[in-house]
Protein backbone atom coordinates (compact mmCIF):
# COMPACT_ATOMS: atom_id res chain seq x y z
CA LYS A 1 19.77 -57.07 -4.58
CA ILE A 2 18.46 -56.48 -1.05
CA LEU A 3 21.94 -56.40 0.48
CA ASP A 4 23.65 -54.46 -2.31
CA LYS A 5 22.42 -51.11 -1.01
CA TYR A 6 24.39 -51.56 2.23
CA PHE A 7 27.72 -51.75 0.44
CA GLN A 8 29.60 -49.36 -1.76
CA PRO A 9 29.17 -50.56 -5.37
CA GLU A 10 32.89 -51.29 -5.69
CA LEU A 11 32.59 -53.65 -2.70
CA VAL A 12 29.90 -55.87 -4.24
CA PHE A 13 31.40 -58.81 -6.11
CA PHE A 14 29.55 -61.40 -8.15
CA ASP A 15 31.75 -62.58 -10.97
CA LEU A 16 35.27 -63.85 -11.37
CA GLU A 17 36.70 -60.43 -10.59
CA HIS A 18 37.19 -61.65 -7.04
CA LYS A 19 40.91 -60.91 -7.36
CA LYS A 20 39.96 -57.30 -6.71
CA TRP A 21 38.31 -58.11 -3.37
CA PRO A 22 39.98 -55.97 -0.70
CA ASP A 23 41.76 -57.27 2.37
CA PHE A 24 40.09 -54.57 4.47
CA GLY A 25 36.58 -53.57 5.43
CA PRO A 26 33.28 -55.23 4.62
CA ALA A 27 32.32 -56.57 1.22
CA LEU A 28 29.42 -58.49 -0.27
CA VAL A 29 30.50 -61.52 -2.28
CA LYS A 30 27.95 -63.42 -4.34
CA ILE A 31 29.89 -66.52 -5.28
CA HIS A 32 27.19 -67.82 -7.60
CA GLY A 33 26.56 -64.58 -9.45
CA SER A 34 23.95 -61.86 -9.37
CA ILE A 35 20.77 -61.02 -11.22
CA VAL A 36 22.42 -57.67 -11.96
CA ASP A 37 24.42 -59.57 -14.61
CA THR A 38 22.67 -62.83 -15.46
CA THR A 39 25.75 -64.09 -17.33
CA THR A 40 27.43 -64.49 -13.92
CA LEU A 41 24.70 -66.73 -12.45
CA VAL A 42 25.64 -70.33 -11.65
CA PHE A 43 22.71 -72.75 -11.90
CA THR A 44 23.62 -75.82 -13.92
CA THR A 45 25.99 -78.65 -13.11
CA ALA A 46 28.24 -77.55 -15.97
CA GLN A 47 28.36 -74.01 -14.59
CA TYR A 48 29.21 -75.32 -11.09
CA LEU A 49 31.97 -77.53 -12.50
CA THR A 50 33.40 -74.63 -14.46
CA ARG A 51 33.30 -72.27 -11.47
CA TYR A 52 34.76 -74.71 -8.96
CA SER A 53 37.50 -75.92 -11.30
CA ASN A 54 38.76 -72.37 -11.86
CA SER A 55 42.06 -72.06 -9.96
CA ASP A 56 41.57 -68.35 -9.27
CA PHE A 57 38.15 -69.07 -7.79
CA LYS A 58 39.65 -71.79 -5.58
CA LYS A 59 42.32 -69.39 -4.33
CA PHE A 60 39.63 -66.81 -3.67
CA LEU A 61 37.58 -69.22 -1.55
CA HIS A 62 40.70 -70.24 0.35
CA SER A 63 41.49 -66.60 1.11
CA ILE A 64 37.99 -66.01 2.48
CA PHE A 65 38.03 -69.02 4.76
CA LYS A 66 41.60 -68.37 5.94
CA SER A 67 40.62 -64.84 6.99
CA ASP A 68 39.00 -63.62 10.18
CA LYS A 69 36.06 -62.17 8.27
CA THR A 70 32.46 -62.79 9.25
CA ILE A 71 30.80 -65.01 6.65
CA LEU A 72 27.05 -65.30 6.15
CA PHE A 73 25.68 -67.82 3.66
CA ILE A 74 22.29 -66.82 2.26
CA GLY A 75 20.19 -68.80 -0.14
CA TYR A 76 20.94 -72.46 -0.30
CA GLY A 77 23.68 -71.87 2.24
CA VAL A 78 26.41 -74.37 2.80
CA GLY A 79 24.38 -77.31 1.61
CA GLU A 80 26.81 -77.41 -1.26
CA PHE A 81 29.54 -79.90 -0.62
CA GLU A 82 32.05 -77.88 -2.63
CA LEU A 83 31.96 -75.04 -0.10
CA LEU A 84 32.20 -77.39 2.85
CA GLU A 85 35.22 -78.97 1.18
CA TYR A 86 36.99 -75.59 1.03
CA MET A 87 36.08 -74.80 4.62
CA LEU A 88 37.01 -78.10 6.20
CA SER A 89 39.77 -79.79 4.23
CA PRO A 90 43.44 -78.77 4.29
CA MET A 91 43.89 -78.09 0.59
CA ASP A 92 46.87 -76.36 -1.01
CA GLN A 93 48.50 -75.46 2.31
CA MET A 94 45.26 -74.02 3.68
CA ASP A 95 45.68 -73.21 7.37
CA THR A 96 43.12 -74.02 9.99
CA LEU A 97 40.08 -71.78 9.75
CA LYS A 98 40.72 -68.51 11.53
CA SER A 99 37.17 -67.24 11.39
CA ASN A 100 34.86 -68.33 14.14
CA GLU A 101 32.04 -66.21 12.75
CA ILE A 102 30.48 -68.30 10.01
CA TYR A 103 26.70 -68.28 9.74
CA VAL A 104 24.14 -69.87 7.47
CA LEU A 105 20.63 -68.47 7.08
CA ASN A 106 18.19 -71.33 6.43
CA PRO A 107 14.40 -71.45 6.05
CA TYR A 108 12.17 -74.04 7.71
CA PHE A 109 8.47 -74.76 8.06
CA SER A 110 7.29 -75.10 11.67
CA TYR A 111 6.69 -78.83 11.16
CA GLU A 112 10.41 -79.21 10.31
CA GLU A 113 11.58 -78.45 13.87
CA VAL A 114 13.34 -81.81 14.21
CA ILE A 115 15.20 -81.25 10.94
CA LYS A 116 16.16 -77.74 12.08
CA GLU A 117 17.46 -79.05 15.41
CA ASN A 118 19.51 -81.75 13.67
CA MET A 119 20.93 -79.20 11.25
CA ASP A 120 21.85 -77.00 14.25
CA LEU A 121 23.88 -79.94 15.59
CA TYR A 122 25.46 -80.63 12.21
CA TYR A 123 26.46 -77.02 11.53
CA GLY A 124 27.63 -76.61 15.13
CA SER A 125 29.93 -79.61 14.69
CA ILE A 126 31.71 -77.78 11.86
CA ASN A 127 31.83 -74.40 13.65
CA ILE A 128 28.96 -72.79 11.72
CA GLU A 129 26.04 -71.14 13.45
CA GLN A 130 22.69 -71.69 11.79
CA ILE A 131 20.18 -68.86 11.83
CA ALA A 132 16.77 -70.32 11.05
CA TYR A 133 13.71 -68.43 9.89
CA SER A 134 10.13 -69.50 9.29
CA ARG A 135 8.69 -70.26 5.86
CA ASP A 136 5.18 -70.71 7.27
CA ASP A 137 3.65 -67.38 6.20
CA LYS A 138 5.58 -66.10 3.20
CA ASP A 139 7.67 -69.13 2.19
CA TYR A 140 11.01 -68.01 0.73
CA LYS A 141 9.77 -64.42 0.46
CA GLN A 142 10.26 -64.27 4.24
CA LEU A 143 13.99 -63.88 3.55
CA ALA A 144 13.45 -60.26 2.50
CA SER A 145 11.65 -59.55 5.79
CA VAL A 146 14.46 -61.17 7.78
CA LEU A 147 17.11 -59.10 6.03
CA GLN A 148 15.09 -55.91 6.41
CA SER A 149 14.76 -56.57 10.14
CA TRP A 150 18.56 -56.70 10.30
CA GLN A 151 18.86 -53.36 8.47
CA LYS A 152 20.17 -51.29 11.39
CA VAL A 153 22.81 -53.85 12.34
CA ILE A 154 23.85 -54.30 8.72
CA GLU A 155 24.22 -50.55 8.28
CA GLU A 156 26.27 -50.23 11.49
CA ARG A 157 28.60 -53.05 10.56
CA THR A 158 29.02 -52.29 6.88
CA THR A 159 29.40 -48.53 6.97
CA LEU A 160 33.09 -47.72 6.91
CA GLN A 161 34.42 -45.80 9.89
CA SER A 162 34.59 -42.56 7.91
CA GLY A 163 30.94 -43.00 6.95
CA ARG A 164 29.94 -43.61 10.57
CA LEU A 165 31.81 -40.46 11.62
CA ASN A 166 29.93 -38.48 8.96
CA ILE A 167 26.63 -39.81 10.28
CA ILE A 168 27.59 -38.77 13.83
CA ASP A 169 28.65 -35.32 12.60
CA ASP A 170 25.34 -34.92 10.74
CA CYS A 171 23.43 -35.82 13.92
CA LEU A 172 25.44 -33.40 16.04
CA ASN A 173 25.04 -30.56 13.55
CA SER A 174 21.32 -31.00 12.92
CA PRO A 175 18.93 -28.58 14.71
């Protein structure tokens, strides 16, 4: 739920209502569900098979990867072969990827530097930039700190232009 607050509620998607995802502006898409509605969460093999065999879901993934949108994978990232398949294989007349801004946020312990470096090479070979963070102090709880440190940038990039103009007006009109 950390990222939800940076998006208008109607631009946070986490179930199969992805058909409503707009072709404009920023949105937050949680392709494996959200704790806001636990019935949407995808954990088991059966749930994965159901989700990835859904033709509307497949079309949705294709539309994301055919776009020029910035994509950030958080959590287990693109370690899932199903997502890599949609990104890399020409399925159902899928054009070459148009987006060159695909990122994956991955945690590592400091002793895993060699693994991190090899994953940098792997992701780089498929046009994905890995953003690594340390698990040494807080383990996976460090993710919240990483996202909070990005707060200003997230707000600048996710606030619609009209919202940014309102913020500027408020600053100009304050004493």
